[in-house]
Amino acid sequence: MPAIIALIITFFVGLLLRLCRMNEFVAWILACFVMPTFVLFDEFVLPYRGGGASMWPIALVVGSFYGAIISGLGVAIASFYLKRKKGNT
């Protein structure tokens, strides 16, 4: 459940950064850092909740991949909105 919340935050970071007229690439790169930061925070700051081997390297790779896709989606939606808004004025 916390990973889903982190993905939602990733989406909105990309969306809001692009809506603040930031360059698409820069907004996407900055939003991509949300998910890896969450995984590392969960692994090294929060108390350990599991048993057995720690799988944080795999979670970091998979989470970063999904975070990049979701943040790109947020940036794309914001860019589409800005183009439509510019075309209507």
N, C-alpha and C. Protein backbone atom coordinates (compact mmCIF):
# COMPACT_ATOMS: atom_id res chain seq x y z
N MET A 1 0.80 -1.20 0.00
CA MET A 1 0.00 0.00 0.00
C MET A 1 0.85 1.27 0.00
N PRO A 2 1.92 1.35 0.81
CA PRO A 2 2.75 2.57 0.75
C PRO A 2 3.40 2.76 -0.63
N ALA A 3 3.68 1.68 -1.35
CA ALA A 3 4.27 1.82 -2.67
C ALA A 3 3.28 2.45 -3.65
N ILE A 4 2.01 2.13 -3.51
CA ILE A 4 0.99 2.73 -4.36
C ILE A 4 0.88 4.23 -4.07
N ILE A 5 0.96 4.58 -2.80
CA ILE A 5 0.93 6.00 -2.43
C ILE A 5 2.15 6.71 -3.01
N ALA A 6 3.31 6.06 -2.98
CA ALA A 6 4.52 6.66 -3.56
C ALA A 6 4.37 6.84 -5.07
N LEU A 7 3.72 5.90 -5.75
CA LEU A 7 3.49 6.05 -7.19
C LEU A 7 2.53 7.20 -7.48
N ILE A 8 1.52 7.37 -6.65
CA ILE A 8 0.59 8.50 -6.82
C ILE A 8 1.32 9.81 -6.61
N ILE A 9 2.18 9.87 -5.59
CA ILE A 9 2.97 11.08 -5.35
C ILE A 9 3.89 11.34 -6.53
N THR A 10 4.48 10.28 -7.09
CA THR A 10 5.35 10.42 -8.26
C THR A 10 4.60 11.03 -9.43
N PHE A 11 3.38 10.55 -9.67
CA PHE A 11 2.55 11.10 -10.74
C PHE A 11 2.29 12.58 -10.53
N PHE A 12 1.89 12.95 -9.32
CA PHE A 12 1.56 14.35 -9.06
C PHE A 12 2.78 15.26 -9.05
N VAL A 13 3.94 14.75 -8.67
CA VAL A 13 5.16 15.56 -8.73
C VAL A 13 5.46 15.91 -10.19
N GLY A 14 5.40 14.91 -11.07
CA GLY A 14 5.63 15.17 -12.50
C GLY A 14 4.60 16.12 -13.07
N LEU A 15 3.34 15.92 -12.69
CA LEU A 15 2.26 16.77 -13.17
C LEU A 15 2.44 18.22 -12.71
N LEU A 16 2.70 18.40 -11.43
CA LEU A 16 2.81 19.75 -10.88
C LEU A 16 4.07 20.48 -11.34
N LEU A 17 5.16 19.75 -11.47
CA LEU A 17 6.38 20.40 -11.97
C LEU A 17 6.19 20.88 -13.40
N ARG A 18 5.53 20.09 -14.22
CA ARG A 18 5.29 20.50 -15.61
C ARG A 18 4.28 21.64 -15.67
N LEU A 19 3.27 21.61 -14.80
CA LEU A 19 2.30 22.71 -14.78
C LEU A 19 2.92 24.02 -14.32
N CYS A 20 4.03 23.94 -13.60
CA CYS A 20 4.76 25.15 -13.19
C CYS A 20 5.70 25.63 -14.29
N ARG A 21 5.46 25.16 -15.50
CA ARG A 21 6.20 25.58 -16.71
C ARG A 21 7.66 25.13 -16.71
N MET A 22 7.96 24.04 -16.00
CA MET A 22 9.30 23.50 -16.04
C MET A 22 9.47 22.69 -17.32
N ASN A 23 10.67 22.61 -17.81
CA ASN A 23 10.98 21.82 -19.00
C ASN A 23 10.50 20.38 -18.80
N GLU A 24 9.99 19.75 -19.86
CA GLU A 24 9.45 18.39 -19.75
C GLU A 24 10.48 17.41 -19.24
N PHE A 25 11.68 17.46 -19.80
CA PHE A 25 12.72 16.51 -19.41
C PHE A 25 13.13 16.69 -17.95
N VAL A 26 13.30 17.92 -17.54
CA VAL A 26 13.70 18.20 -16.16
C VAL A 26 12.60 17.78 -15.18
N ALA A 27 11.35 18.06 -15.52
CA ALA A 27 10.24 17.65 -14.66
C ALA A 27 10.17 16.13 -14.55
N TRP A 28 10.41 15.45 -15.65
CA TRP A 28 10.38 13.98 -15.64
C TRP A 28 11.53 13.41 -14.79
N ILE A 29 12.73 13.95 -14.97
CA ILE A 29 13.88 13.45 -14.21
C ILE A 29 13.69 13.68 -12.71
N LEU A 30 13.22 14.88 -12.33
CA LEU A 30 13.01 15.15 -10.91
C LEU A 30 11.92 14.26 -10.32
N ALA A 31 10.87 14.01 -11.08
CA ALA A 31 9.81 13.13 -10.59
C ALA A 31 10.26 11.68 -10.51
N CYS A 32 11.22 11.31 -11.33
CA CYS A 32 11.73 9.93 -11.29
C CYS A 32 12.46 9.62 -9.98
N PHE A 33 12.93 10.63 -9.28
CA PHE A 33 13.65 10.40 -8.04
C PHE A 33 12.74 10.08 -6.86
N VAL A 34 11.44 10.24 -7.00
CA VAL A 34 10.53 10.02 -5.87
C VAL A 34 10.50 8.55 -5.48
N MET A 35 10.32 7.66 -6.43
CA MET A 35 10.18 6.24 -6.11
C MET A 35 11.48 5.63 -5.54
N PRO A 36 12.66 5.86 -6.15
CA PRO A 36 13.88 5.33 -5.53
C PRO A 36 14.12 5.90 -4.13
N THR A 37 13.77 7.17 -3.93
CA THR A 37 13.91 7.76 -2.59
C THR A 37 13.01 7.05 -1.60
N PHE A 38 11.79 6.75 -2.02
CA PHE A 38 10.87 6.02 -1.15
C PHE A 38 11.42 4.64 -0.80
N VAL A 39 11.92 3.91 -1.79
CA VAL A 39 12.45 2.55 -1.54
C VAL A 39 13.62 2.60 -0.58
N LEU A 40 14.54 3.54 -0.79
CA LEU A 40 15.70 3.64 0.10
C LEU A 40 15.31 4.10 1.50
N PHE A 41 14.33 5.00 1.60
CA PHE A 41 13.83 5.42 2.90
C PHE A 41 13.20 4.25 3.64
N ASP A 42 12.41 3.47 2.91
CA ASP A 42 11.74 2.31 3.50
C ASP A 42 12.75 1.28 3.98
N GLU A 43 13.84 1.11 3.25
CA GLU A 43 14.82 0.09 3.61
C GLU A 43 15.75 0.53 4.74
N PHE A 44 16.21 1.77 4.71
CA PHE A 44 17.27 2.16 5.63
C PHE A 44 16.83 3.04 6.80
N VAL A 45 15.65 3.63 6.74
CA VAL A 45 15.21 4.51 7.82
C VAL A 45 14.13 3.85 8.67
N LEU A 46 13.14 3.27 8.02
CA LEU A 46 12.05 2.62 8.76
C LEU A 46 12.55 1.31 9.35
N PRO A 47 11.97 0.87 10.47
CA PRO A 47 12.40 -0.41 11.06
C PRO A 47 12.08 -1.58 10.14
N TYR A 48 12.92 -2.60 10.21
CA TYR A 48 12.77 -3.79 9.37
C TYR A 48 11.51 -4.56 9.77
N ARG A 49 10.67 -4.88 8.78
CA ARG A 49 9.40 -5.54 9.05
C ARG A 49 9.33 -6.95 8.49
N GLY A 50 10.30 -7.36 7.74
CA GLY A 50 10.21 -8.66 7.06
C GLY A 50 11.07 -9.71 7.72
N GLY A 51 11.04 -10.86 7.13
CA GLY A 51 11.88 -11.95 7.57
C GLY A 51 12.63 -12.50 6.37
N GLY A 52 13.80 -13.03 6.58
CA GLY A 52 14.55 -13.59 5.47
C GLY A 52 15.41 -12.55 4.78
N ALA A 53 15.66 -12.83 3.51
CA ALA A 53 16.56 -11.98 2.74
C ALA A 53 15.90 -10.65 2.39
N SER A 54 16.70 -9.62 2.39
CA SER A 54 16.21 -8.30 2.00
C SER A 54 16.25 -8.19 0.47
N MET A 55 15.17 -7.73 -0.10
CA MET A 55 15.06 -7.67 -1.56
C MET A 55 15.07 -6.23 -2.06
N TRP A 56 15.69 -5.31 -1.32
CA TRP A 56 15.63 -3.90 -1.71
C TRP A 56 16.30 -3.60 -3.04
N PRO A 57 17.37 -4.30 -3.46
CA PRO A 57 17.92 -3.98 -4.79
C PRO A 57 16.92 -4.25 -5.92
N ILE A 58 16.17 -5.34 -5.80
CA ILE A 58 15.16 -5.66 -6.81
C ILE A 58 14.03 -4.65 -6.73
N ALA A 59 13.61 -4.31 -5.53
CA ALA A 59 12.55 -3.32 -5.36
C ALA A 59 13.00 -1.97 -5.91
N LEU A 60 14.27 -1.64 -5.77
CA LEU A 60 14.79 -0.38 -6.29
C LEU A 60 14.73 -0.34 -7.81
N VAL A 61 15.11 -1.42 -8.46
CA VAL A 61 15.09 -1.46 -9.93
C VAL A 61 13.66 -1.44 -10.46
N VAL A 62 12.80 -2.30 -9.91
CA VAL A 62 11.42 -2.38 -10.39
C VAL A 62 10.67 -1.09 -10.04
N GLY A 63 10.85 -0.59 -8.83
CA GLY A 63 10.19 0.65 -8.42
C GLY A 63 10.64 1.83 -9.24
N SER A 64 11.91 1.90 -9.57
CA SER A 64 12.41 2.99 -10.40
C SER A 64 11.82 2.94 -11.80
N PHE A 65 11.69 1.73 -12.33
CA PHE A 65 11.08 1.56 -13.65
C PHE A 65 9.63 2.04 -13.65
N TYR A 66 8.85 1.58 -12.68
CA TYR A 66 7.46 2.01 -12.59
C TYR A 66 7.35 3.51 -12.29
N GLY A 67 8.24 4.01 -11.46
CA GLY A 67 8.24 5.44 -11.16
C GLY A 67 8.53 6.28 -12.39
N ALA A 68 9.44 5.81 -13.25
CA ALA A 68 9.75 6.54 -14.48
C ALA A 68 8.55 6.57 -15.42
N ILE A 69 7.85 5.45 -15.51
CA ILE A 69 6.67 5.40 -16.38
C ILE A 69 5.56 6.30 -15.84
N ILE A 70 5.29 6.21 -14.55
CA ILE A 70 4.21 7.00 -13.95
C ILE A 70 4.53 8.50 -13.99
N SER A 71 5.78 8.86 -13.72
CA SER A 71 6.13 10.28 -13.77
C SER A 71 6.06 10.80 -15.20
N GLY A 72 6.45 9.98 -16.16
CA GLY A 72 6.31 10.37 -17.56
C GLY A 72 4.86 10.57 -17.95
N LEU A 73 3.98 9.75 -17.39
CA LEU A 73 2.55 9.90 -17.64
C LEU A 73 2.04 11.23 -17.08
N GLY A 74 2.48 11.58 -15.88
CA GLY A 74 2.08 12.85 -15.28
C GLY A 74 2.58 14.04 -16.08
N VAL A 75 3.82 13.97 -16.55
CA VAL A 75 4.38 15.05 -17.35
C VAL A 75 3.65 15.14 -18.69
N ALA A 76 3.33 14.00 -19.29
CA ALA A 76 2.64 14.01 -20.58
C ALA A 76 1.24 14.60 -20.46
N ILE A 77 0.52 14.26 -19.41
CA ILE A 77 -0.82 14.81 -19.21
C ILE A 77 -0.75 16.32 -18.99
N ALA A 78 0.23 16.77 -18.20
CA ALA A 78 0.38 18.21 -17.98
C ALA A 78 0.77 18.93 -19.27
N SER A 79 1.63 18.34 -20.07
CA SER A 79 2.02 18.96 -21.33
C SER A 79 0.83 19.04 -22.28
N PHE A 80 0.03 17.99 -22.33
CA PHE A 80 -1.17 17.99 -23.15
C PHE A 80 -2.13 19.09 -22.70
N TYR A 81 -2.30 19.24 -21.40
CA TYR A 81 -3.17 20.28 -20.85
C TYR A 81 -2.65 21.67 -21.21
N LEU A 82 -1.35 21.87 -21.08
CA LEU A 82 -0.78 23.19 -21.39
C LEU A 82 -0.90 23.52 -22.88
N LYS A 83 -0.75 22.52 -23.75
CA LYS A 83 -0.91 22.77 -25.18
C LYS A 83 -2.35 23.10 -25.52
N ARG A 84 -3.30 22.39 -24.90
CA ARG A 84 -4.72 22.69 -25.15
C ARG A 84 -5.08 24.07 -24.62
N LYS A 85 -4.54 24.42 -23.46
CA LYS A 85 -4.82 25.73 -22.87
C LYS A 85 -4.23 26.84 -23.75
N LYS A 86 -3.04 26.63 -24.27
CA LYS A 86 -2.40 27.61 -25.14
C LYS A 86 -3.17 27.76 -26.46
N GLY A 87 -3.71 26.66 -26.95
CA GLY A 87 -4.45 26.68 -28.21
C GLY A 87 -5.80 27.36 -28.08
N ASN A 88 -6.39 27.35 -26.89
CA ASN A 88 -7.70 27.97 -26.68
C ASN A 88 -7.62 29.46 -26.45
N THR A 89 -6.43 29.99 -26.15
CA THR A 89 -6.33 31.42 -25.90
C THR A 89 -5.92 32.20 -27.10
